[in-house]
Amino acid sequence: MVTISNKELESIEKSLSEALVKFSDGKIDSFQATQISKSAVKNIDFSNSALAHKGINWFAKKLIDRVDFSQLEVVCV
């Protein structure tokens, strides 16, 4: 079992959020990316070395491939 500190989780969430904005070509804004990354990080199996090897950018691209942009709400803050 792999133990990840809250600080490490926050860092991963932030990196994933930034990667989602970058690789979505403007289809995902910062708020949406933060919400997606918080949810996605809860589901990451940190003990899976194959996923750990792939990295944040790979994971972000895979998430973007699964987003239904027609159902994504645009939130203005």
C-alpha atoms as a PDB file:
ATOM      1  CA  MET A   1       0.000   0.000   0.000  1.00  0.00           C
ATOM      2  CA  VAL A   2       1.288   3.440  -0.948  1.00  0.00           C
ATOM      3  CA  THR A   3       0.727   6.329   1.446  1.00  0.00           C
ATOM      4  CA  ILE A   4       0.358   9.779  -0.082  1.00  0.00           C
ATOM      5  CA  SER A   5       0.364  12.877   2.130  1.00  0.00           C
ATOM      6  CA  ASN A   6      -2.242  15.617   1.755  1.00  0.00           C
ATOM      7  CA  LYS A   7       0.462  17.956   0.462  1.00  0.00           C
ATOM      8  CA  GLU A   8       1.417  15.425  -2.236  1.00  0.00           C
ATOM      9  CA  LEU A   9      -2.254  14.946  -3.194  1.00  0.00           C
ATOM     10  CA  GLU A  10      -2.714  18.701  -3.507  1.00  0.00           C
ATOM     11  CA  SER A  11       0.379  18.911  -5.707  1.00  0.00           C
ATOM     12  CA  ILE A  12      -0.895  16.115  -7.946  1.00  0.00           C
ATOM     13  CA  GLU A  13      -4.339  17.741  -8.162  1.00  0.00           C
ATOM     14  CA  LYS A  14      -2.761  21.077  -9.126  1.00  0.00           C
ATOM     15  CA  SER A  15      -0.496  19.508 -11.756  1.00  0.00           C
ATOM     16  CA  LEU A  16      -3.379  17.499 -13.198  1.00  0.00           C
ATOM     17  CA  SER A  17      -5.611  20.570 -13.272  1.00  0.00           C
ATOM     18  CA  GLU A  18      -2.972  22.577 -15.149  1.00  0.00           C
ATOM     19  CA  ALA A  19      -2.453  19.722 -17.607  1.00  0.00           C
ATOM     20  CA  LEU A  20      -6.208  19.440 -18.236  1.00  0.00           C
ATOM     21  CA  VAL A  21      -6.419  23.133 -19.142  1.00  0.00           C
ATOM     22  CA  LYS A  22      -3.335  22.893 -21.347  1.00  0.00           C
ATOM     23  CA  PHE A  23      -4.281  19.761 -23.273  1.00  0.00           C
ATOM     24  CA  SER A  24      -7.995  20.576 -23.657  1.00  0.00           C
ATOM     25  CA  ASP A  25      -7.219  23.441 -26.044  1.00  0.00           C
ATOM     26  CA  GLY A  26      -9.428  25.829 -24.107  1.00  0.00           C
ATOM     27  CA  LYS A  27     -12.388  23.459 -23.776  1.00  0.00           C
ATOM     28  CA  ILE A  28     -11.878  23.120 -20.018  1.00  0.00           C
ATOM     29  CA  ASP A  29     -11.431  26.198 -17.843  1.00  0.00           C
ATOM     30  CA  SER A  30      -9.455  26.342 -14.599  1.00  0.00           C
ATOM     31  CA  PHE A  31     -12.490  25.848 -12.365  1.00  0.00           C
ATOM     32  CA  GLN A  32     -13.684  22.805 -14.310  1.00  0.00           C
ATOM     33  CA  ALA A  33     -10.168  21.377 -14.405  1.00  0.00           C
ATOM     34  CA  THR A  34      -9.864  21.719 -10.640  1.00  0.00           C
ATOM     35  CA  GLN A  35     -13.164  19.905 -10.105  1.00  0.00           C
ATOM     36  CA  ILE A  36     -12.211  17.118 -12.524  1.00  0.00           C
ATOM     37  CA  SER A  37      -8.757  16.716 -11.010  1.00  0.00           C
ATOM     38  CA  LYS A  38     -10.095  16.518  -7.434  1.00  0.00           C
ATOM     39  CA  SER A  39     -12.474  13.764  -8.476  1.00  0.00           C
ATOM     40  CA  ALA A  40      -9.935  11.921 -10.625  1.00  0.00           C
ATOM     41  CA  VAL A  41      -7.180  11.909  -7.996  1.00  0.00           C
ATOM     42  CA  LYS A  42      -9.517  10.072  -5.619  1.00  0.00           C
ATOM     43  CA  ASN A  43      -9.626   7.225  -8.141  1.00  0.00           C
ATOM     44  CA  ILE A  44      -5.915   6.910  -8.913  1.00  0.00           C
ATOM     45  CA  ASP A  45      -4.317   3.654  -7.825  1.00  0.00           C
ATOM     46  CA  PHE A  46      -1.001   4.956  -6.545  1.00  0.00           C
ATOM     47  CA  SER A  47       0.262   1.407  -6.008  1.00  0.00           C
ATOM     48  CA  ASN A  48       0.015   0.697  -9.755  1.00  0.00           C
ATOM     49  CA  SER A  49       3.554   1.258 -11.013  1.00  0.00           C
ATOM     50  CA  ALA A  50       2.411   1.238 -14.655  1.00  0.00           C
ATOM     51  CA  LEU A  51       0.187   4.273 -14.037  1.00  0.00           C
ATOM     52  CA  ALA A  52       2.852   6.010 -11.977  1.00  0.00           C
ATOM     53  CA  HIS A  53       5.269   5.575 -14.869  1.00  0.00           C
ATOM     54  CA  LYS A  54       2.869   7.221 -17.355  1.00  0.00           C
ATOM     55  CA  GLY A  55       2.771  10.587 -15.603  1.00  0.00           C
ATOM     56  CA  ILE A  56       0.327  13.442 -15.149  1.00  0.00           C
ATOM     57  CA  ASN A  57       0.217  14.553 -18.796  1.00  0.00           C
ATOM     58  CA  TRP A  58      -0.710  11.054 -19.994  1.00  0.00           C
ATOM     59  CA  PHE A  59      -3.419  10.829 -17.342  1.00  0.00           C
ATOM     60  CA  ALA A  60      -4.792  14.277 -18.295  1.00  0.00           C
ATOM     61  CA  LYS A  61      -4.961  13.335 -21.971  1.00  0.00           C
ATOM     62  CA  LYS A  62      -6.831  10.120 -21.112  1.00  0.00           C
ATOM     63  CA  LEU A  63      -9.310  12.083 -18.984  1.00  0.00           C
ATOM     64  CA  ILE A  64      -9.862  14.592 -21.794  1.00  0.00           C
ATOM     65  CA  ASP A  65     -10.566  11.722 -24.193  1.00  0.00           C
ATOM     66  CA  ARG A  66     -13.400  10.662 -21.870  1.00  0.00           C
ATOM     67  CA  VAL A  67     -14.986  14.100 -21.354  1.00  0.00           C
ATOM     68  CA  ASP A  68     -18.284  14.683 -23.129  1.00  0.00           C
ATOM     69  CA  PHE A  69     -17.817  18.352 -23.943  1.00  0.00           C
ATOM     70  CA  SER A  70     -21.459  18.714 -25.013  1.00  0.00           C
ATOM     71  CA  GLN A  71     -22.460  17.954 -21.402  1.00  0.00           C
ATOM     72  CA  LEU A  72     -19.765  20.052 -19.715  1.00  0.00           C
ATOM     73  CA  GLU A  73     -21.228  23.103 -18.016  1.00  0.00           C
ATOM     74  CA  VAL A  74     -19.615  26.475 -18.551  1.00  0.00           C
ATOM     75  CA  VAL A  75     -19.265  28.220 -15.206  1.00  0.00           C
ATOM     76  CA  CYS A  76     -18.577  31.935 -15.011  1.00  0.00           C
ATOM     77  CA  VAL A  77     -17.136  33.061 -11.698  1.00  0.00           C
END
